[in-house]
Amino acid sequence: MDANELGFLIEEALLTLALIGVPVGVLLFFLISLVRYLRRDKSDEVQTKKRKRMLIISVVIFGIFLAVCCALFILLMIGLAHM
């Protein structure tokens, strides 16, 4: 195995990690924020505001990521249709 093959393997491993790790991380962040918000102490207003803010941030990030994934999928389908 020469340096080019090793570099290619490292590049592919990082790309795979990015393509799988980022969606899983965003989904976990959203689910954890949702569970923490639902299981909060409703009498503590400071904690409620903080968890609500984190839930809103996680929903926005998840929505942006989902929109990007849908856009890439649509572009892929358009590209395949015009081949």
PDB file of N, CA and C in Angstrom:
ATOM      1  N   MET A   1       0.858  -1.176   0.000  1.00  0.00           N
ATOM      2  CA  MET A   1       0.000   0.000   0.000  1.00  0.00           C
ATOM      3  C   MET A   1       0.902   1.235   0.000  1.00  0.00           C
ATOM      4  N   ASP A   2       0.734   2.087  -0.993  1.00  0.00           N
ATOM      5  CA  ASP A   2       1.565   3.273  -1.051  1.00  0.00           C
ATOM      6  C   ASP A   2       0.846   4.461  -0.407  1.00  0.00           C
ATOM      7  N   ALA A   3       1.477   5.611  -0.446  1.00  0.00           N
ATOM      8  CA  ALA A   3       0.946   6.801   0.223  1.00  0.00           C
ATOM      9  C   ALA A   3      -0.354   7.281  -0.408  1.00  0.00           C
ATOM     10  N   ASN A   4      -0.490   7.130  -1.724  1.00  0.00           N
ATOM     11  CA  ASN A   4      -1.716   7.562  -2.389  1.00  0.00           C
ATOM     12  C   ASN A   4      -2.918   6.745  -1.950  1.00  0.00           C
ATOM     13  N   GLU A   5      -2.744   5.442  -1.833  1.00  0.00           N
ATOM     14  CA  GLU A   5      -3.844   4.580  -1.396  1.00  0.00           C
ATOM     15  C   GLU A   5      -4.222   4.867   0.049  1.00  0.00           C
ATOM     16  N   LEU A   6      -3.213   5.090   0.890  1.00  0.00           N
ATOM     17  CA  LEU A   6      -3.484   5.401   2.286  1.00  0.00           C
ATOM     18  C   LEU A   6      -4.219   6.733   2.406  1.00  0.00           C
ATOM     19  N   GLY A   7      -3.794   7.709   1.620  1.00  0.00           N
ATOM     20  CA  GLY A   7      -4.480   8.999   1.615  1.00  0.00           C
ATOM     21  C   GLY A   7      -5.912   8.877   1.145  1.00  0.00           C
ATOM     22  N   PHE A   8      -6.126   8.037   0.132  1.00  0.00           N
ATOM     23  CA  PHE A   8      -7.483   7.811  -0.374  1.00  0.00           C
ATOM     24  C   PHE A   8      -8.355   7.158   0.692  1.00  0.00           C
ATOM     25  N   LEU A   9      -7.809   6.176   1.409  1.00  0.00           N
ATOM     26  CA  LEU A   9      -8.574   5.502   2.463  1.00  0.00           C
ATOM     27  C   LEU A   9      -8.924   6.463   3.596  1.00  0.00           C
ATOM     28  N   ILE A  10      -7.978   7.305   3.967  1.00  0.00           N
ATOM     29  CA  ILE A  10      -8.246   8.278   5.032  1.00  0.00           C
ATOM     30  C   ILE A  10      -9.299   9.276   4.579  1.00  0.00           C
ATOM     31  N   GLU A  11      -9.218   9.712   3.330  1.00  0.00           N
ATOM     32  CA  GLU A  11     -10.208  10.642   2.792  1.00  0.00           C
ATOM     33  C   GLU A  11     -11.598  10.018   2.777  1.00  0.00           C
ATOM     34  N   GLU A  12     -11.684   8.785   2.353  1.00  0.00           N
ATOM     35  CA  GLU A  12     -12.985   8.094   2.322  1.00  0.00           C
ATOM     36  C   GLU A  12     -13.534   7.880   3.725  1.00  0.00           C
ATOM     37  N   ALA A  13     -12.674   7.551   4.668  1.00  0.00           N
ATOM     38  CA  ALA A  13     -13.124   7.353   6.048  1.00  0.00           C
ATOM     39  C   ALA A  13     -13.659   8.653   6.634  1.00  0.00           C
ATOM     40  N   LEU A  14     -12.984   9.761   6.383  1.00  0.00           N
ATOM     41  CA  LEU A  14     -13.451  11.050   6.894  1.00  0.00           C
ATOM     42  C   LEU A  14     -14.759  11.473   6.228  1.00  0.00           C
ATOM     43  N   LEU A  15     -14.876  11.220   4.936  1.00  0.00           N
ATOM     44  CA  LEU A  15     -16.105  11.556   4.230  1.00  0.00           C
ATOM     45  C   LEU A  15     -17.284  10.728   4.755  1.00  0.00           C
ATOM     46  N   THR A  16     -17.052   9.453   4.974  1.00  0.00           N
ATOM     47  CA  THR A  16     -18.097   8.588   5.515  1.00  0.00           C
ATOM     48  C   THR A  16     -18.491   9.023   6.919  1.00  0.00           C
ATOM     49  N   LEU A  17     -17.500   9.356   7.726  1.00  0.00           N
ATOM     50  CA  LEU A  17     -17.779   9.831   9.078  1.00  0.00           C
ATOM     51  C   LEU A  17     -18.595  11.114   9.045  1.00  0.00           C
ATOM     52  N   ALA A  18     -18.270  12.016   8.122  1.00  0.00           N
ATOM     53  CA  ALA A  18     -19.016  13.266   8.013  1.00  0.00           C
ATOM     54  C   ALA A  18     -20.438  13.022   7.522  1.00  0.00           C
ATOM     55  N   LEU A  19     -20.600  12.123   6.560  1.00  0.00           N
ATOM     56  CA  LEU A  19     -21.930  11.886   6.005  1.00  0.00           C
ATOM     57  C   LEU A  19     -22.834  11.108   6.954  1.00  0.00           C
ATOM     58  N   ILE A  20     -22.253  10.317   7.827  1.00  0.00           N
ATOM     59  CA  ILE A  20     -23.057   9.551   8.784  1.00  0.00           C
ATOM     60  C   ILE A  20     -23.083  10.232  10.143  1.00  0.00           C
ATOM     61  N   GLY A  21     -21.962  10.782  10.554  1.00  0.00           N
ATOM     62  CA  GLY A  21     -21.851  11.374  11.884  1.00  0.00           C
ATOM     63  C   GLY A  21     -22.650  12.644  12.075  1.00  0.00           C
ATOM     64  N   VAL A  22     -22.648  13.511  11.080  1.00  0.00           N
ATOM     65  CA  VAL A  22     -23.367  14.781  11.201  1.00  0.00           C
ATOM     66  C   VAL A  22     -24.877  14.554  11.320  1.00  0.00           C
ATOM     67  N   PRO A  23     -25.500  13.739  10.466  1.00  0.00           N
ATOM     68  CA  PRO A  23     -26.948  13.524  10.636  1.00  0.00           C
ATOM     69  C   PRO A  23     -27.294  12.874  11.969  1.00  0.00           C
ATOM     70  N   VAL A  24     -26.497  11.923  12.391  1.00  0.00           N
ATOM     71  CA  VAL A  24     -26.768  11.253  13.668  1.00  0.00           C
ATOM     72  C   VAL A  24     -26.595  12.238  14.817  1.00  0.00           C
ATOM     73  N   GLY A  25     -25.566  13.071  14.740  1.00  0.00           N
ATOM     74  CA  GLY A  25     -25.342  14.071  15.786  1.00  0.00           C
ATOM     75  C   GLY A  25     -26.465  15.084  15.870  1.00  0.00           C
ATOM     76  N   VAL A  26     -26.926  15.564  14.730  1.00  0.00           N
ATOM     77  CA  VAL A  26     -28.025  16.536  14.708  1.00  0.00           C
ATOM     78  C   VAL A  26     -29.308  15.899  15.239  1.00  0.00           C
ATOM     79  N   LEU A  27     -29.577  14.679  14.834  1.00  0.00           N
ATOM     80  CA  LEU A  27     -30.776  13.982  15.319  1.00  0.00           C
ATOM     81  C   LEU A  27     -30.706  13.735  16.821  1.00  0.00           C
ATOM     82  N   LEU A  28     -29.548  13.312  17.316  1.00  0.00           N
ATOM     83  CA  LEU A  28     -29.395  13.104  18.763  1.00  0.00           C
ATOM     84  C   LEU A  28     -29.548  14.407  19.539  1.00  0.00           C
ATOM     85  N   PHE A  29     -28.976  15.496  19.026  1.00  0.00           N
ATOM     86  CA  PHE A  29     -29.109  16.795  19.679  1.00  0.00           C
ATOM     87  C   PHE A  29     -30.572  17.207  19.769  1.00  0.00           C
ATOM     88  N   PHE A  30     -31.325  16.989  18.691  1.00  0.00           N
ATOM     89  CA  PHE A  30     -32.750  17.322  18.693  1.00  0.00           C
ATOM     90  C   PHE A  30     -33.520  16.456  19.694  1.00  0.00           C
ATOM     91  N   LEU A  31     -33.280  15.142  19.666  1.00  0.00           N
ATOM     92  CA  LEU A  31     -34.014  14.242  20.567  1.00  0.00           C
ATOM     93  C   LEU A  31     -33.691  14.509  22.029  1.00  0.00           C
ATOM     94  N   ILE A  32     -32.427  14.741  22.341  1.00  0.00           N
ATOM     95  CA  ILE A  32     -32.047  15.024  23.727  1.00  0.00           C
ATOM     96  C   ILE A  32     -32.657  16.339  24.191  1.00  0.00           C
ATOM     97  N   SER A  33     -32.648  17.355  23.337  1.00  0.00           N
ATOM     98  CA  SER A  33     -33.264  18.638  23.699  1.00  0.00           C
ATOM     99  C   SER A  33     -34.762  18.481  23.926  1.00  0.00           C
ATOM    100  N   LEU A  34     -35.404  17.685  23.080  1.00  0.00           N
ATOM    101  CA  LEU A  34     -36.842  17.463  23.227  1.00  0.00           C
ATOM    102  C   LEU A  34     -37.165  16.734  24.526  1.00  0.00           C
ATOM    103  N   VAL A  35     -36.421  15.687  24.828  1.00  0.00           N
ATOM    104  CA  VAL A  35     -36.668  14.926  26.062  1.00  0.00           C
ATOM    105  C   VAL A  35     -36.390  15.777  27.288  1.00  0.00           C
ATOM    106  N   ARG A  36     -35.305  16.538  27.255  1.00  0.00           N
ATOM    107  CA  ARG A  36     -34.983  17.399  28.405  1.00  0.00           C
ATOM    108  C   ARG A  36     -36.050  18.469  28.602  1.00  0.00           C
ATOM    109  N   TYR A  37     -36.615  18.994  27.508  1.00  0.00           N
ATOM    110  CA  TYR A  37     -37.665  19.994  27.621  1.00  0.00           C
ATOM    111  C   TYR A  37     -38.947  19.383  28.183  1.00  0.00           C
ATOM    112  N   LEU A  38     -39.291  18.190  27.725  1.00  0.00           N
ATOM    113  CA  LEU A  38     -40.531  17.562  28.192  1.00  0.00           C
ATOM    114  C   LEU A  38     -40.444  17.098  29.637  1.00  0.00           C
ATOM    115  N   ARG A  39     -39.235  16.754  30.105  1.00  0.00           N
ATOM    116  CA  ARG A  39     -39.075  16.245  31.463  1.00  0.00           C
ATOM    117  C   ARG A  39     -38.590  17.312  32.434  1.00  0.00           C
ATOM    118  N   ARG A  40     -38.735  18.578  32.092  1.00  0.00           N
ATOM    119  CA  ARG A  40     -38.232  19.665  32.932  1.00  0.00           C
ATOM    120  C   ARG A  40     -39.116  19.854  34.157  1.00  0.00           C
ATOM    121  N   ASP A  41     -38.569  20.585  35.138  1.00  0.00           N
ATOM    122  CA  ASP A  41     -39.341  20.980  36.306  1.00  0.00           C
ATOM    123  C   ASP A  41     -40.125  22.231  35.917  1.00  0.00           C
ATOM    124  N   LYS A  42     -41.426  22.115  35.809  1.00  0.00           N
ATOM    125  CA  LYS A  42     -42.237  23.197  35.266  1.00  0.00           C
ATOM    126  C   LYS A  42     -42.307  24.407  36.186  1.00  0.00           C
ATOM    127  N   SER A  43     -41.957  24.251  37.456  1.00  0.00           N
ATOM    128  CA  SER A  43     -42.005  25.380  38.374  1.00  0.00           C
ATOM    129  C   SER A  43     -40.753  26.251  38.278  1.00  0.00           C
ATOM    130  N   ASP A  44     -39.674  25.726  37.730  1.00  0.00           N
ATOM    131  CA  ASP A  44     -38.428  26.484  37.601  1.00  0.00           C
ATOM    132  C   ASP A  44     -38.414  27.205  36.256  1.00  0.00           C
ATOM    133  N   GLU A  45     -38.667  28.536  36.295  1.00  0.00           N
ATOM    134  CA  GLU A  45     -38.808  29.288  35.043  1.00  0.00           C
ATOM    135  C   GLU A  45     -37.476  29.491  34.333  1.00  0.00           C
ATOM    136  N   VAL A  46     -36.382  29.612  35.078  1.00  0.00           N
ATOM    137  CA  VAL A  46     -35.074  29.806  34.451  1.00  0.00           C
ATOM    138  C   VAL A  46     -34.691  28.556  33.659  1.00  0.00           C
ATOM    139  N   GLN A  47     -34.900  27.392  34.254  1.00  0.00           N
ATOM    140  CA  GLN A  47     -34.596  26.133  33.570  1.00  0.00           C
ATOM    141  C   GLN A  47     -35.516  25.941  32.360  1.00  0.00           C
ATOM    142  N   THR A  48     -36.766  26.316  32.497  1.00  0.00           N
ATOM    143  CA  THR A  48     -37.722  26.185  31.401  1.00  0.00           C
ATOM    144  C   THR A  48     -37.308  27.056  30.218  1.00  0.00           C
ATOM    145  N   LYS A  49     -36.897  28.308  30.491  1.00  0.00           N
ATOM    146  CA  LYS A  49     -36.473  29.196  29.406  1.00  0.00           C
ATOM    147  C   LYS A  49     -35.225  28.665  28.712  1.00  0.00           C
ATOM    148  N   LYS A  50     -34.274  28.162  29.508  1.00  0.00           N
ATOM    149  CA  LYS A  50     -33.029  27.656  28.937  1.00  0.00           C
ATOM    150  C   LYS A  50     -33.279  26.439  28.060  1.00  0.00           C
ATOM    151  N   ARG A  51     -34.099  25.522  28.541  1.00  0.00           N
ATOM    152  CA  ARG A  51     -34.375  24.310  27.760  1.00  0.00           C
ATOM    153  C   ARG A  51     -35.240  24.603  26.544  1.00  0.00           C
ATOM    154  N   LYS A  52     -36.143  25.575  26.668  1.00  0.00           N
ATOM    155  CA  LYS A  52     -36.950  25.958  25.511  1.00  0.00           C
ATOM    156  C   LYS A  52     -36.058  26.571  24.433  1.00  0.00           C
ATOM    157  N   ARG A  53     -35.093  27.399  24.842  1.00  0.00           N
ATOM    158  CA  ARG A  53     -34.171  28.006  23.890  1.00  0.00           C
ATOM    159  C   ARG A  53     -33.347  26.929  23.184  1.00  0.00           C
ATOM    160  N   MET A  54     -32.852  25.937  23.928  1.00  0.00           N
ATOM    161  CA  MET A  54     -32.075  24.852  23.327  1.00  0.00           C
ATOM    162  C   MET A  54     -32.934  24.023  22.377  1.00  0.00           C
ATOM    163  N   LEU A  55     -34.205  23.823  22.730  1.00  0.00           N
ATOM    164  CA  LEU A  55     -35.104  23.084  21.848  1.00  0.00           C
ATOM    165  C   LEU A  55     -35.328  23.836  20.541  1.00  0.00           C
ATOM    166  N   ILE A  56     -35.509  25.142  20.622  1.00  0.00           N
ATOM    167  CA  ILE A  56     -35.714  25.943  19.418  1.00  0.00           C
ATOM    168  C   ILE A  56     -34.471  25.911  18.538  1.00  0.00           C
ATOM    169  N   ILE A  57     -33.291  26.025  19.154  1.00  0.00           N
ATOM    170  CA  ILE A  57     -32.043  25.968  18.390  1.00  0.00           C
ATOM    171  C   ILE A  57     -31.893  24.616  17.706  1.00  0.00           C
ATOM    172  N   SER A  58     -32.196  23.535  18.428  1.00  0.00           N
ATOM    173  CA  SER A  58     -32.051  22.204  17.846  1.00  0.00           C
ATOM    174  C   SER A  58     -33.056  21.968  16.724  1.00  0.00           C
ATOM    175  N   VAL A  59     -34.258  22.513  16.857  1.00  0.00           N
ATOM    176  CA  VAL A  59     -35.263  22.375  15.794  1.00  0.00           C
ATOM    177  C   VAL A  59     -34.820  23.128  14.538  1.00  0.00           C
ATOM    178  N   VAL A  60     -34.251  24.326  14.717  1.00  0.00           N
ATOM    179  CA  VAL A  60     -33.782  25.106  13.570  1.00  0.00           C
ATOM    180  C   VAL A  60     -32.638  24.376  12.864  1.00  0.00           C
ATOM    181  N   ILE A  61     -31.674  23.864  13.625  1.00  0.00           N
ATOM    182  CA  ILE A  61     -30.548  23.137  13.032  1.00  0.00           C
ATOM    183  C   ILE A  61     -31.043  21.886  12.319  1.00  0.00           C
ATOM    184  N   PHE A  62     -31.940  21.144  12.946  1.00  0.00           N
ATOM    185  CA  PHE A  62     -32.493  19.942  12.336  1.00  0.00           C
ATOM    186  C   PHE A  62     -33.266  20.280  11.064  1.00  0.00           C
ATOM    187  N   GLY A  63     -34.034  21.358  11.081  1.00  0.00           N
ATOM    188  CA  GLY A  63     -34.784  21.774   9.896  1.00  0.00           C
ATOM    189  C   GLY A  63     -33.885  22.183   8.750  1.00  0.00           C
ATOM    190  N   ILE A  64     -32.830  22.927   9.060  1.00  0.00           N
ATOM    191  CA  ILE A  64     -31.880  23.320   8.020  1.00  0.00           C
ATOM    192  C   ILE A  64     -31.210  22.092   7.429  1.00  0.00           C
ATOM    193  N   PHE A  65     -30.789  21.180   8.284  1.00  0.00           N
ATOM    194  CA  PHE A  65     -30.128  19.973   7.801  1.00  0.00           C
ATOM    195  C   PHE A  65     -31.077  19.134   6.949  1.00  0.00           C
ATOM    196  N   LEU A  66     -32.324  19.009   7.374  1.00  0.00           N
ATOM    197  CA  LEU A  66     -33.308  18.249   6.605  1.00  0.00           C
ATOM    198  C   LEU A  66     -33.576  18.908   5.253  1.00  0.00           C
ATOM    199  N   ALA A  67     -33.644  20.234   5.218  1.00  0.00           N
ATOM    200  CA  ALA A  67     -33.854  20.944   3.958  1.00  0.00           C
ATOM    201  C   ALA A  67     -32.671  20.746   3.016  1.00  0.00           C
ATOM    202  N   VAL A  68     -31.457  20.770   3.549  1.00  0.00           N
ATOM    203  CA  VAL A  68     -30.274  20.551   2.713  1.00  0.00           C
ATOM    204  C   VAL A  68     -30.270  19.129   2.155  1.00  0.00           C
ATOM    205  N   CYS A  69     -30.614  18.155   2.986  1.00  0.00           N
ATOM    206  CA  CYS A  69     -30.672  16.769   2.511  1.00  0.00           C
ATOM    207  C   CYS A  69     -31.718  16.602   1.423  1.00  0.00           C
ATOM    208  N   CYS A  70     -32.877  17.194   1.600  1.00  0.00           N
ATOM    209  CA  CYS A  70     -33.932  17.109   0.577  1.00  0.00           C
ATOM    210  C   CYS A  70     -33.493  17.794  -0.710  1.00  0.00           C
ATOM    211  N   ALA A  71     -32.835  18.946  -0.597  1.00  0.00           N
ATOM    212  CA  ALA A  71     -32.368  19.656  -1.788  1.00  0.00           C
ATOM    213  C   ALA A  71     -31.332  18.827  -2.544  1.00  0.00           C
ATOM    214  N   LEU A  72     -30.400  18.203  -1.831  1.00  0.00           N
ATOM    215  CA  LEU A  72     -29.404  17.364  -2.485  1.00  0.00           C
ATOM    216  C   LEU A  72     -30.045  16.153  -3.154  1.00  0.00           C
ATOM    217  N   PHE A  73     -31.037  15.576  -2.509  1.00  0.00           N
ATOM    218  CA  PHE A  73     -31.742  14.440  -3.090  1.00  0.00           C
ATOM    219  C   PHE A  73     -32.488  14.859  -4.363  1.00  0.00           C
ATOM    220  N   ILE A  74     -33.132  16.012  -4.322  1.00  0.00           N
ATOM    221  CA  ILE A  74     -33.842  16.515  -5.500  1.00  0.00           C
ATOM    222  C   ILE A  74     -32.873  16.791  -6.643  1.00  0.00           C
ATOM    223  N   LEU A  75     -31.729  17.409  -6.320  1.00  0.00           N
ATOM    224  CA  LEU A  75     -30.715  17.652  -7.356  1.00  0.00           C
ATOM    225  C   LEU A  75     -30.193  16.344  -7.942  1.00  0.00           C
ATOM    226  N   LEU A  76     -30.036  15.328  -7.106  1.00  0.00           N
ATOM    227  CA  LEU A  76     -29.600  14.024  -7.595  1.00  0.00           C
ATOM    228  C   LEU A  76     -30.638  13.434  -8.542  1.00  0.00           C
ATOM    229  N   MET A  77     -31.902  13.514  -8.183  1.00  0.00           N
ATOM    230  CA  MET A  77     -32.954  12.985  -9.037  1.00  0.00           C
ATOM    231  C   MET A  77     -33.048  13.744 -10.361  1.00  0.00           C
ATOM    232  N   ILE A  78     -32.877  15.077 -10.320  1.00  0.00           N
ATOM    233  CA  ILE A  78     -32.899  15.859 -11.550  1.00  0.00           C
ATOM    234  C   ILE A  78     -31.717  15.471 -12.437  1.00  0.00           C
ATOM    235  N   GLY A  79     -30.557  15.290 -11.811  1.00  0.00           N
ATOM    236  CA  GLY A  79     -29.376  14.889 -12.572  1.00  0.00           C
ATOM    237  C   GLY A  79     -29.550  13.523 -13.213  1.00  0.00           C
ATOM    238  N   LEU A  80     -30.143  12.590 -12.486  1.00  0.00           N
ATOM    239  CA  LEU A  80     -30.374  11.254 -13.039  1.00  0.00           C
ATOM    240  C   LEU A  80     -31.421  11.280 -14.151  1.00  0.00           C
ATOM    241  N   ALA A  81     -32.398  12.144 -14.027  1.00  0.00           N
ATOM    242  CA  ALA A  81     -33.440  12.227 -15.053  1.00  0.00           C
ATOM    243  C   ALA A  81     -32.894  12.796 -16.371  1.00  0.00           C
ATOM    244  N   HIS A  82     -31.877  13.618 -16.289  1.00  0.00           N
ATOM    245  CA  HIS A  82     -31.335  14.243 -17.500  1.00  0.00           C
ATOM    246  C   HIS A  82     -30.106  13.521 -18.045  1.00  0.00           C
ATOM    247  N   MET A  83     -29.846  12.331 -17.589  1.00  0.00           N
ATOM    248  CA  MET A  83     -28.705  11.569 -18.109  1.00  0.00           C
ATOM    249  C   MET A  83     -29.097  10.846 -19.382  1.00  0.00           C
TER     250      MET A  83
END
